[in-house]
Amino acid sequence: MHARTAAATTAALIGVGALVLPASAAPAHSPATATSAKSSEPVVVAHRGASAYAPENTLAAIDKARELGFTWVENDVQRTKDGKLVIMHDDSLARTTDVEQVFPGRSPWKVADFTAAEIAKLDAGSWFGAKFKGARVPTLEQYMNRVEHNRQKLVLEIKKPELYPGIERDTLRVLRKTGWLDRRHVKHKLVIQSFSANSVKAVRAQRPDIKTGFLGTPAVADLPAYAKFADQINSNHGTISADYVSAIHALRGPHGRPLEILTWTVDDAANARRAAGFGVNGIITNRPDVVREAVAD
């Protein structure tokens, strides 16, 4: 996730389709079923898995989140040259894999310029630590199967959809194939979010039952417009205040539930307590154990 200005998000989203996003990880307070403006304790979402402790967006990262006791995880989805979906945050493979060594001369090593088979050859773990050597970039199908195996829930971010026309349809196809579009998963275990209002609109048009989220911090005056198509606004923690959270909670989304907010990316106790004090419904973090302890205190 990266911050967006309020002006940019406001302009992008007028006339855009609906989205709904649950909060996160505690069974006692499912973001999909929350009815009060504030919960006693925000749910915690492991950002790209427990990515402070394992290489981001890998199976090892979501396994680590499970080991730490977290139900909700978050990931990023992009599309390869041959139309496969893979779990990767950056649109370049360079930062988190050894692509420069395996495929020299193919700078800038964009995801969209490599086939899924080529990406499967890359080491996505060594950059993080020697014990993760050999970790691979998972496909979305592999990732969904592991999340299911771990009995986890997922906030899935469609990353840079402007680079991948039709990625929403492709994402839904994989979710259907892996059993994630039945009523149980859609209602309790899945959120699809994006910084792109158009992408959220595309998901909403094809599957209006899916909970979706808009990433950004719209101006307070524009929140009623967002509430027409969003059940949750997910904002950078540095851009929000208690008044802003209250303004979100005062509205209802298109599914009739109070508008909610997840905030990101909070990795220290002080900011976790600050966000919890604002009354946010959930906190997205690379260090879920740190946040859990802070908000419990």
C-alpha atoms as a PDB file:
ATOM      1  CA  MET A   1       0.000   0.000   0.000  1.00  0.00           C
ATOM      2  CA  HIS A   2       1.086   3.547  -0.646  1.00  0.00           C
ATOM      3  CA  ALA A   3      -0.538   6.845   0.341  1.00  0.00           C
ATOM      4  CA  ARG A   4      -2.734   8.775  -2.072  1.00  0.00           C
ATOM      5  CA  THR A   5      -3.787  12.409  -1.763  1.00  0.00           C
ATOM      6  CA  ALA A   6      -7.380  13.210  -0.860  1.00  0.00           C
ATOM      7  CA  ALA A   7      -7.767  15.245  -4.014  1.00  0.00           C
ATOM      8  CA  ALA A   8      -6.621  12.404  -6.232  1.00  0.00           C
ATOM      9  CA  THR A   9      -8.858   9.847  -4.598  1.00  0.00           C
ATOM     10  CA  THR A  10     -11.864  12.183  -4.688  1.00  0.00           C
ATOM     11  CA  ALA A  11     -11.451  12.838  -8.377  1.00  0.00           C
ATOM     12  CA  ALA A  12     -10.983   9.156  -9.106  1.00  0.00           C
ATOM     13  CA  LEU A  13     -14.019   7.973  -7.365  1.00  0.00           C
ATOM     14  CA  ILE A  14     -17.004  10.045  -8.389  1.00  0.00           C
ATOM     15  CA  GLY A  15     -19.349   7.805 -10.321  1.00  0.00           C
ATOM     16  CA  VAL A  16     -17.491   4.670  -9.361  1.00  0.00           C
ATOM     17  CA  GLY A  17     -19.061   1.353  -8.318  1.00  0.00           C
ATOM     18  CA  ALA A  18     -19.476  -0.033  -4.859  1.00  0.00           C
ATOM     19  CA  LEU A  19     -17.037  -1.595  -2.514  1.00  0.00           C
ATOM     20  CA  VAL A  20     -17.262  -3.153   0.882  1.00  0.00           C
ATOM     21  CA  LEU A  21     -14.396  -4.035   3.159  1.00  0.00           C
ATOM     22  CA  PRO A  22     -14.501  -5.939   6.435  1.00  0.00           C
ATOM     23  CA  ALA A  23     -12.182  -5.054   9.242  1.00  0.00           C
ATOM     24  CA  SER A  24      -9.901  -7.909  10.334  1.00  0.00           C
ATOM     25  CA  ALA A  25      -8.573 -10.706  12.334  1.00  0.00           C
ATOM     26  CA  ALA A  26     -10.305 -11.508  15.623  1.00  0.00           C
ATOM     27  CA  PRO A  27     -13.042 -14.116  15.595  1.00  0.00           C
ATOM     28  CA  ALA A  28     -14.854 -12.205  18.342  1.00  0.00           C
ATOM     29  CA  HIS A  29     -15.326  -9.238  16.023  1.00  0.00           C
ATOM     30  CA  SER A  30     -15.628 -10.133  12.386  1.00  0.00           C
ATOM     31  CA  PRO A  31     -15.395  -7.046  10.184  1.00  0.00           C
ATOM     32  CA  ALA A  32     -17.994  -8.592   7.944  1.00  0.00           C
ATOM     33  CA  THR A  33     -20.613  -8.554  10.667  1.00  0.00           C
ATOM     34  CA  ALA A  34     -19.715  -5.532  12.782  1.00  0.00           C
ATOM     35  CA  THR A  35     -22.730  -3.385  13.587  1.00  0.00           C
ATOM     36  CA  SER A  36     -21.386  -0.844  16.047  1.00  0.00           C
ATOM     37  CA  ALA A  37     -19.292   2.164  15.109  1.00  0.00           C
ATOM     38  CA  LYS A  38     -16.520   1.087  17.458  1.00  0.00           C
ATOM     39  CA  SER A  39     -15.347  -2.254  18.702  1.00  0.00           C
ATOM     40  CA  SER A  40     -13.649  -2.774  22.035  1.00  0.00           C
ATOM     41  CA  GLU A  41     -10.486  -3.744  20.217  1.00  0.00           C
ATOM     42  CA  PRO A  42      -9.603  -3.341  16.523  1.00  0.00           C
ATOM     43  CA  VAL A  43      -9.003  -6.476  14.552  1.00  0.00           C
ATOM     44  CA  VAL A  44      -5.445  -6.997  13.315  1.00  0.00           C
ATOM     45  CA  VAL A  45      -4.532  -7.833   9.708  1.00  0.00           C
ATOM     46  CA  ALA A  46      -1.089  -9.224   8.875  1.00  0.00           C
ATOM     47  CA  HIS A  47       0.176  -7.026   6.028  1.00  0.00           C
ATOM     48  CA  ARG A  48       1.516  -9.151   3.158  1.00  0.00           C
ATOM     49  CA  GLY A  49       1.520 -11.860   5.809  1.00  0.00           C
ATOM     50  CA  ALA A  50       3.607 -11.362   8.930  1.00  0.00           C
ATOM     51  CA  SER A  51       6.066  -9.545   6.712  1.00  0.00           C
ATOM     52  CA  ALA A  52       8.334  -8.251   9.471  1.00  0.00           C
ATOM     53  CA  TYR A  53       9.278 -11.869  10.168  1.00  0.00           C
ATOM     54  CA  ALA A  54       9.138 -13.605   6.776  1.00  0.00           C
ATOM     55  CA  PRO A  55       9.466 -12.456   3.156  1.00  0.00           C
ATOM     56  CA  GLU A  56       6.385 -10.506   2.146  1.00  0.00           C
ATOM     57  CA  ASN A  57       3.651 -12.040   0.019  1.00  0.00           C
ATOM     58  CA  THR A  58       5.088 -15.554   0.306  1.00  0.00           C
ATOM     59  CA  LEU A  59       3.515 -18.660   1.757  1.00  0.00           C
ATOM     60  CA  ALA A  60       6.069 -18.426   4.559  1.00  0.00           C
ATOM     61  CA  ALA A  61       4.650 -15.041   5.536  1.00  0.00           C
ATOM     62  CA  ILE A  62       1.080 -16.249   5.899  1.00  0.00           C
ATOM     63  CA  ASP A  63       2.279 -19.357   7.678  1.00  0.00           C
ATOM     64  CA  LYS A  64       4.105 -17.094  10.135  1.00  0.00           C
ATOM     65  CA  ALA A  65       0.920 -15.101  10.675  1.00  0.00           C
ATOM     66  CA  ARG A  66      -0.881 -18.340  11.495  1.00  0.00           C
ATOM     67  CA  GLU A  67       1.905 -19.348  13.852  1.00  0.00           C
ATOM     68  CA  LEU A  68       1.482 -16.026  15.665  1.00  0.00           C
ATOM     69  CA  GLY A  69      -2.259 -16.621  15.908  1.00  0.00           C
ATOM     70  CA  PHE A  70      -3.642 -14.221  13.280  1.00  0.00           C
ATOM     71  CA  THR A  71      -6.680 -15.024  11.201  1.00  0.00           C
ATOM     72  CA  TRP A  72      -6.655 -12.119   8.731  1.00  0.00           C
ATOM     73  CA  VAL A  73      -3.862 -11.635   6.216  1.00  0.00           C
ATOM     74  CA  GLU A  74      -3.422  -9.190   3.333  1.00  0.00           C
ATOM     75  CA  ASN A  75      -1.778  -9.643  -0.061  1.00  0.00           C
ATOM     76  CA  ASP A  76      -1.214  -8.004  -3.464  1.00  0.00           C
ATOM     77  CA  VAL A  77      -2.110  -9.438  -6.868  1.00  0.00           C
ATOM     78  CA  GLN A  78      -0.564  -8.686 -10.271  1.00  0.00           C
ATOM     79  CA  ARG A  79      -0.632 -10.379 -13.689  1.00  0.00           C
ATOM     80  CA  THR A  80       2.128 -12.044 -15.696  1.00  0.00           C
ATOM     81  CA  LYS A  81       2.897 -11.825 -19.397  1.00  0.00           C
ATOM     82  CA  ASP A  82       0.908 -14.998 -20.058  1.00  0.00           C
ATOM     83  CA  GLY A  83      -2.100 -13.927 -18.028  1.00  0.00           C
ATOM     84  CA  LYS A  84      -1.465 -15.726 -14.744  1.00  0.00           C
ATOM     85  CA  LEU A  85      -1.985 -14.007 -11.403  1.00  0.00           C
ATOM     86  CA  VAL A  86       0.875 -13.880  -8.916  1.00  0.00           C
ATOM     87  CA  ILE A  87       1.322 -12.468  -5.440  1.00  0.00           C
ATOM     88  CA  MET A  88       3.626  -9.452  -5.681  1.00  0.00           C
ATOM     89  CA  HIS A  89       3.515  -5.911  -4.335  1.00  0.00           C
ATOM     90  CA  ASP A  90       5.837  -4.047  -6.705  1.00  0.00           C
ATOM     91  CA  ASP A  91       5.232  -4.023 -10.453  1.00  0.00           C
ATOM     92  CA  SER A  92       8.926  -4.916 -10.737  1.00  0.00           C
ATOM     93  CA  LEU A  93      10.366  -8.201  -9.497  1.00  0.00           C
ATOM     94  CA  ALA A  94      13.732  -6.662  -8.630  1.00  0.00           C
ATOM     95  CA  ARG A  95      13.289  -5.734  -4.968  1.00  0.00           C
ATOM     96  CA  THR A  96      12.068  -9.047  -3.607  1.00  0.00           C
ATOM     97  CA  THR A  97      13.547 -11.677  -5.923  1.00  0.00           C
ATOM     98  CA  ASP A  98      16.835 -12.576  -7.620  1.00  0.00           C
ATOM     99  CA  VAL A  99      15.439 -11.743 -11.069  1.00  0.00           C
ATOM    100  CA  GLU A 100      18.426  -9.525 -11.923  1.00  0.00           C
ATOM    101  CA  GLN A 101      20.749 -12.498 -11.563  1.00  0.00           C
ATOM    102  CA  VAL A 102      18.496 -15.087 -13.195  1.00  0.00           C
ATOM    103  CA  PHE A 103      17.405 -12.881 -16.084  1.00  0.00           C
ATOM    104  CA  PRO A 104      20.106 -10.242 -16.615  1.00  0.00           C
ATOM    105  CA  GLY A 105      19.477  -7.766 -19.372  1.00  0.00           C
ATOM    106  CA  ARG A 106      15.700  -7.698 -18.949  1.00  0.00           C
ATOM    107  CA  SER A 107      15.520  -4.500 -16.945  1.00  0.00           C
ATOM    108  CA  PRO A 108      13.319  -3.101 -15.479  1.00  0.00           C
ATOM    109  CA  TRP A 109      12.125  -6.631 -14.669  1.00  0.00           C
ATOM    110  CA  LYS A 110       8.406  -5.853 -14.698  1.00  0.00           C
ATOM    111  CA  VAL A 111       5.986  -8.568 -13.614  1.00  0.00           C
ATOM    112  CA  ALA A 112       4.054  -8.071 -16.837  1.00  0.00           C
ATOM    113  CA  ASP A 113       7.147  -8.858 -18.933  1.00  0.00           C
ATOM    114  CA  PHE A 114       7.686 -12.361 -17.491  1.00  0.00           C
ATOM    115  CA  THR A 115       5.713 -15.563 -17.806  1.00  0.00           C
ATOM    116  CA  ALA A 116       4.476 -17.398 -14.751  1.00  0.00           C
ATOM    117  CA  ALA A 117       6.957 -20.200 -15.468  1.00  0.00           C
ATOM    118  CA  GLU A 118       9.830 -17.717 -15.488  1.00  0.00           C
ATOM    119  CA  ILE A 119       8.701 -16.127 -12.245  1.00  0.00           C
ATOM    120  CA  ALA A 120       8.398 -19.572 -10.655  1.00  0.00           C
ATOM    121  CA  LYS A 121      12.161 -19.976 -11.074  1.00  0.00           C
ATOM    122  CA  LEU A 122      12.956 -16.973  -8.914  1.00  0.00           C
ATOM    123  CA  ASP A 123      14.121 -16.983  -5.307  1.00  0.00           C
ATOM    124  CA  ALA A 124      11.759 -14.727  -3.367  1.00  0.00           C
ATOM    125  CA  GLY A 125      13.206 -15.411   0.067  1.00  0.00           C
ATOM    126  CA  SER A 126      16.966 -14.915   0.139  1.00  0.00           C
ATOM    127  CA  TRP A 127      16.709 -11.124   0.075  1.00  0.00           C
ATOM    128  CA  PHE A 128      14.969 -11.349   3.439  1.00  0.00           C
ATOM    129  CA  GLY A 129      17.185 -13.938   5.105  1.00  0.00           C
ATOM    130  CA  ALA A 130      19.214 -17.044   4.379  1.00  0.00           C
ATOM    131  CA  LYS A 131      16.728 -19.371   6.040  1.00  0.00           C
ATOM    132  CA  PHE A 132      14.122 -18.365   3.465  1.00  0.00           C
ATOM    133  CA  LYS A 133      16.309 -19.205   0.488  1.00  0.00           C
ATOM    134  CA  GLY A 134      14.277 -20.911  -2.193  1.00  0.00           C
ATOM    135  CA  ALA A 135      10.911 -19.395  -1.270  1.00  0.00           C
ATOM    136  CA  ARG A 136       8.902 -18.786  -4.420  1.00  0.00           C
ATOM    137  CA  VAL A 137       6.522 -16.152  -5.677  1.00  0.00           C
ATOM    138  CA  PRO A 138       3.169 -17.912  -5.263  1.00  0.00           C
ATOM    139  CA  THR A 139       0.455 -17.829  -7.854  1.00  0.00           C
ATOM    140  CA  LEU A 140      -2.892 -16.577  -6.638  1.00  0.00           C
ATOM    141  CA  GLU A 141      -4.233 -20.122  -6.843  1.00  0.00           C
ATOM    142  CA  GLN A 142      -1.413 -21.474  -4.670  1.00  0.00           C
ATOM    143  CA  TYR A 143      -1.900 -18.641  -2.223  1.00  0.00           C
ATOM    144  CA  MET A 144      -5.653 -19.116  -1.898  1.00  0.00           C
ATOM    145  CA  ASN A 145      -5.195 -22.820  -1.290  1.00  0.00           C
ATOM    146  CA  ARG A 146      -2.713 -22.097   1.503  1.00  0.00           C
ATOM    147  CA  VAL A 147      -4.946 -19.476   3.121  1.00  0.00           C
ATOM    148  CA  GLU A 148      -7.757 -22.022   3.081  1.00  0.00           C
ATOM    149  CA  HIS A 149      -5.481 -24.699   4.515  1.00  0.00           C
ATOM    150  CA  ASN A 150      -4.460 -22.295   7.291  1.00  0.00           C
ATOM    151  CA  ARG A 151      -8.124 -21.452   8.006  1.00  0.00           C
ATOM    152  CA  GLN A 152      -7.309 -17.812   7.471  1.00  0.00           C
ATOM    153  CA  LYS A 153      -9.216 -14.908   5.954  1.00  0.00           C
ATOM    154  CA  LEU A 154      -7.995 -12.566   3.260  1.00  0.00           C
ATOM    155  CA  VAL A 155      -7.896  -8.900   2.352  1.00  0.00           C
ATOM    156  CA  LEU A 156      -6.874  -9.125  -1.306  1.00  0.00           C
ATOM    157  CA  GLU A 157      -5.515  -6.001  -2.987  1.00  0.00           C
ATOM    158  CA  ILE A 158      -5.673  -5.683  -6.748  1.00  0.00           C
ATOM    159  CA  LYS A 159      -2.406  -3.882  -7.400  1.00  0.00           C
ATOM    160  CA  LYS A 160      -2.002  -1.279 -10.161  1.00  0.00           C
ATOM    161  CA  PRO A 161      -5.020  -2.488 -12.141  1.00  0.00           C
ATOM    162  CA  GLU A 162      -4.390   0.185 -14.750  1.00  0.00           C
ATOM    163  CA  LEU A 163      -1.476  -1.975 -15.918  1.00  0.00           C
ATOM    164  CA  TYR A 164      -3.637  -5.087 -16.254  1.00  0.00           C
ATOM    165  CA  PRO A 165      -6.986  -4.471 -17.985  1.00  0.00           C
ATOM    166  CA  GLY A 166      -9.477  -7.121 -16.939  1.00  0.00           C
ATOM    167  CA  ILE A 167      -7.520  -8.265 -13.872  1.00  0.00           C
ATOM    168  CA  GLU A 168     -10.678  -8.092 -11.785  1.00  0.00           C
ATOM    169  CA  ARG A 169     -12.345 -10.726 -13.959  1.00  0.00           C
ATOM    170  CA  ASP A 170      -9.214 -12.882 -13.809  1.00  0.00           C
ATOM    171  CA  THR A 171      -9.060 -12.562 -10.030  1.00  0.00           C
ATOM    172  CA  LEU A 172     -12.672 -13.601  -9.621  1.00  0.00           C
ATOM    173  CA  ARG A 173     -12.075 -16.583 -11.905  1.00  0.00           C
ATOM    174  CA  VAL A 174      -9.278 -17.855  -9.653  1.00  0.00           C
ATOM    175  CA  LEU A 175     -11.323 -17.217  -6.523  1.00  0.00           C
ATOM    176  CA  ARG A 176     -14.173 -19.216  -7.999  1.00  0.00           C
ATOM    177  CA  LYS A 177     -11.856 -22.056  -8.991  1.00  0.00           C
ATOM    178  CA  THR A 178     -10.425 -22.282  -5.473  1.00  0.00           C
ATOM    179  CA  GLY A 179     -13.838 -22.263  -3.805  1.00  0.00           C
ATOM    180  CA  TRP A 180     -13.691 -18.743  -2.428  1.00  0.00           C
ATOM    181  CA  LEU A 181     -16.864 -17.385  -4.011  1.00  0.00           C
ATOM    182  CA  ASP A 182     -19.384 -19.454  -2.102  1.00  0.00           C
ATOM    183  CA  ARG A 183     -21.588 -17.726   0.442  1.00  0.00           C
ATOM    184  CA  ARG A 184     -19.473 -18.669   3.461  1.00  0.00           C
ATOM    185  CA  HIS A 185     -16.260 -17.263   2.057  1.00  0.00           C
ATOM    186  CA  VAL A 186     -17.827 -14.156   0.567  1.00  0.00           C
ATOM    187  CA  LYS A 187     -19.695 -13.271   3.725  1.00  0.00           C
ATOM    188  CA  HIS A 188     -17.046 -14.018   6.330  1.00  0.00           C
ATOM    189  CA  LYS A 189     -13.591 -14.565   4.852  1.00  0.00           C
ATOM    190  CA  LEU A 190     -12.922 -12.325   1.848  1.00  0.00           C
ATOM    191  CA  VAL A 191     -12.372  -8.649   1.098  1.00  0.00           C
ATOM    192  CA  ILE A 192     -11.166  -7.196  -2.192  1.00  0.00           C
ATOM    193  CA  GLN A 193      -9.651  -3.722  -2.100  1.00  0.00           C
ATOM    194  CA  SER A 194      -7.824  -1.313  -4.383  1.00  0.00           C
ATOM    195  CA  PHE A 195      -6.556   2.242  -4.627  1.00  0.00           C
ATOM    196  CA  SER A 196      -8.414   2.356  -7.945  1.00  0.00           C
ATOM    197  CA  ALA A 197     -12.085   3.220  -7.708  1.00  0.00           C
ATOM    198  CA  ASN A 198     -12.541   1.889 -11.234  1.00  0.00           C
ATOM    199  CA  SER A 199     -11.136  -1.463 -10.170  1.00  0.00           C
ATOM    200  CA  VAL A 200     -13.471  -1.628  -7.205  1.00  0.00           C
ATOM    201  CA  LYS A 201     -16.320  -0.744  -9.534  1.00  0.00           C
ATOM    202  CA  ALA A 202     -15.378  -3.627 -11.830  1.00  0.00           C
ATOM    203  CA  VAL A 203     -15.404  -6.110  -8.955  1.00  0.00           C
ATOM    204  CA  ARG A 204     -18.689  -4.742  -7.723  1.00  0.00           C
ATOM    205  CA  ALA A 205     -20.302  -4.959 -11.155  1.00  0.00           C
ATOM    206  CA  GLN A 206     -19.369  -8.614 -11.536  1.00  0.00           C
ATOM    207  CA  ARG A 207     -19.964  -9.751  -7.955  1.00  0.00           C
ATOM    208  CA  PRO A 208     -21.924  -7.195  -5.907  1.00  0.00           C
ATOM    209  CA  ASP A 209     -22.035  -9.570  -2.969  1.00  0.00           C
ATOM    210  CA  ILE A 210     -18.265  -9.399  -2.420  1.00  0.00           C
ATOM    211  CA  LYS A 211     -17.013  -7.107   0.303  1.00  0.00           C
ATOM    212  CA  THR A 212     -14.673  -4.533  -1.155  1.00  0.00           C
ATOM    213  CA  GLY A 213     -12.578  -1.685   0.163  1.00  0.00           C
ATOM    214  CA  PHE A 214     -11.377   1.660  -1.107  1.00  0.00           C
ATOM    215  CA  LEU A 215      -7.813   2.552  -0.169  1.00  0.00           C
ATOM    216  CA  GLY A 216      -7.398   6.245   0.503  1.00  0.00           C
ATOM    217  CA  THR A 217      -8.457   9.169   2.661  1.00  0.00           C
ATOM    218  CA  PRO A 218     -11.280  11.064   0.953  1.00  0.00           C
ATOM    219  CA  ALA A 219     -12.178  14.491   2.256  1.00  0.00           C
ATOM    220  CA  VAL A 220     -14.902  14.428   4.912  1.00  0.00           C
ATOM    221  CA  ALA A 221     -17.227  16.346   2.609  1.00  0.00           C
ATOM    222  CA  ASP A 222     -16.886  13.567   0.025  1.00  0.00           C
ATOM    223  CA  LEU A 223     -17.497  10.645   2.369  1.00  0.00           C
ATOM    224  CA  PRO A 224     -21.256  10.485   1.630  1.00  0.00           C
ATOM    225  CA  ALA A 225     -20.424   9.954  -2.042  1.00  0.00           C
ATOM    226  CA  TYR A 226     -18.044   7.146  -1.108  1.00  0.00           C
ATOM    227  CA  ALA A 227     -20.626   5.611   1.179  1.00  0.00           C
ATOM    228  CA  LYS A 228     -22.829   5.033  -1.839  1.00  0.00           C
ATOM    229  CA  PHE A 229     -20.434   2.380  -3.092  1.00  0.00           C
ATOM    230  CA  ALA A 230     -18.092   1.569  -0.205  1.00  0.00           C
ATOM    231  CA  ASP A 231     -18.686  -0.241   3.049  1.00  0.00           C
ATOM    232  CA  GLN A 232     -15.233   0.594   4.268  1.00  0.00           C
ATOM    233  CA  ILE A 233     -12.622   3.308   3.765  1.00  0.00           C
ATOM    234  CA  ASN A 234      -9.058   2.110   4.411  1.00  0.00           C
ATOM    235  CA  SER A 235      -6.653   4.946   5.122  1.00  0.00           C
ATOM    236  CA  ASN A 236      -3.003   5.509   5.920  1.00  0.00           C
ATOM    237  CA  HIS A 237      -2.715   5.937   9.687  1.00  0.00           C
ATOM    238  CA  GLY A 238      -0.873   9.245   9.281  1.00  0.00           C
ATOM    239  CA  THR A 239      -3.833  10.798   7.461  1.00  0.00           C
ATOM    240  CA  ILE A 240      -6.615  10.146   9.971  1.00  0.00           C
ATOM    241  CA  SER A 241      -7.926  11.610  13.228  1.00  0.00           C
ATOM    242  CA  ALA A 242     -10.618  10.804  15.761  1.00  0.00           C
ATOM    243  CA  ASP A 243     -12.960  13.237  14.000  1.00  0.00           C
ATOM    244  CA  TYR A 244     -12.284  11.604  10.650  1.00  0.00           C
ATOM    245  CA  VAL A 245     -13.035   8.140  12.016  1.00  0.00           C
ATOM    246  CA  SER A 246     -16.229   9.456  13.602  1.00  0.00           C
ATOM    247  CA  ALA A 247     -17.276  10.945  10.267  1.00  0.00           C
ATOM    248  CA  ILE A 248     -16.837   7.537   8.640  1.00  0.00           C
ATOM    249  CA  HIS A 249     -18.786   5.753  11.351  1.00  0.00           C
ATOM    250  CA  ALA A 250     -21.676   8.214  11.014  1.00  0.00           C
ATOM    251  CA  LEU A 251     -22.458   6.870   7.542  1.00  0.00           C
ATOM    252  CA  ARG A 252     -23.847   3.612   6.197  1.00  0.00           C
ATOM    253  CA  GLY A 253     -22.510   1.780   3.201  1.00  0.00           C
ATOM    254  CA  PRO A 254     -24.476   0.319   0.299  1.00  0.00           C
ATOM    255  CA  HIS A 255     -25.123  -2.925   2.180  1.00  0.00           C
ATOM    256  CA  GLY A 256     -26.768  -1.037   5.011  1.00  0.00           C
ATOM    257  CA  ARG A 257     -23.989  -1.528   7.552  1.00  0.00           C
ATOM    258  CA  PRO A 258     -22.158   1.319   9.270  1.00  0.00           C
ATOM    259  CA  LEU A 259     -19.162   2.459   7.274  1.00  0.00           C
ATOM    260  CA  GLU A 260     -15.922   1.112   8.743  1.00  0.00           C
ATOM    261  CA  ILE A 261     -12.241   1.890   8.536  1.00  0.00           C
ATOM    262  CA  LEU A 262      -9.045  -0.147   8.482  1.00  0.00           C
ATOM    263  CA  THR A 263      -5.845   1.832   8.842  1.00  0.00           C
ATOM    264  CA  TRP A 264      -2.335   0.975   7.602  1.00  0.00           C
ATOM    265  CA  THR A 265       0.573   0.361   7.947  1.00  0.00           C
ATOM    266  CA  VAL A 266       1.044   0.523  11.734  1.00  0.00           C
ATOM    267  CA  ASP A 267       4.107  -1.244  13.102  1.00  0.00           C
ATOM    268  CA  ASP A 268       4.755   0.348  16.511  1.00  0.00           C
ATOM    269  CA  ALA A 269       2.887   0.319  19.790  1.00  0.00           C
ATOM    270  CA  ALA A 270       2.407   4.085  20.066  1.00  0.00           C
ATOM    271  CA  ASN A 271       0.697   4.449  16.692  1.00  0.00           C
ATOM    272  CA  ALA A 272      -1.312   1.291  17.278  1.00  0.00           C
ATOM    273  CA  ARG A 273      -2.693   2.748  20.510  1.00  0.00           C
ATOM    274  CA  ARG A 274      -3.308   6.064  18.763  1.00  0.00           C
ATOM    275  CA  ALA A 275      -5.294   4.417  15.974  1.00  0.00           C
ATOM    276  CA  ALA A 276      -7.213   2.247  18.434  1.00  0.00           C
ATOM    277  CA  GLY A 277      -8.044   5.375  20.415  1.00  0.00           C
ATOM    278  CA  PHE A 278      -9.583   6.883  17.298  1.00  0.00           C
ATOM    279  CA  GLY A 279     -11.951   3.910  17.172  1.00  0.00           C
ATOM    280  CA  VAL A 280     -10.765   2.289  13.962  1.00  0.00           C
ATOM    281  CA  ASN A 281     -12.247  -1.097  13.187  1.00  0.00           C
ATOM    282  CA  GLY A 282      -8.980  -2.689  12.162  1.00  0.00           C
ATOM    283  CA  ILE A 283      -5.225  -2.171  11.880  1.00  0.00           C
ATOM    284  CA  ILE A 284      -3.088  -3.519   9.041  1.00  0.00           C
ATOM    285  CA  THR A 285       0.480  -4.190  10.141  1.00  0.00           C
ATOM    286  CA  ASN A 286       3.742  -5.920   9.299  1.00  0.00           C
ATOM    287  CA  ARG A 287       4.143  -6.655  13.029  1.00  0.00           C
ATOM    288  CA  PRO A 288       0.794  -8.071  14.098  1.00  0.00           C
ATOM    289  CA  ASP A 289       2.108  -9.328  17.431  1.00  0.00           C
ATOM    290  CA  VAL A 290       3.309  -5.826  18.386  1.00  0.00           C
ATOM    291  CA  VAL A 291      -0.041  -4.296  17.476  1.00  0.00           C
ATOM    292  CA  ARG A 292      -2.028  -7.016  19.259  1.00  0.00           C
ATOM    293  CA  GLU A 293      -0.118  -6.426  22.484  1.00  0.00           C
ATOM    294  CA  ALA A 294      -0.424  -2.647  22.189  1.00  0.00           C
ATOM    295  CA  VAL A 295      -4.178  -2.564  21.630  1.00  0.00           C
ATOM    296  CA  ALA A 296      -4.770  -5.180  24.296  1.00  0.00           C
ATOM    297  CA  ASP A 297      -2.984  -2.904  26.764  1.00  0.00           C
END
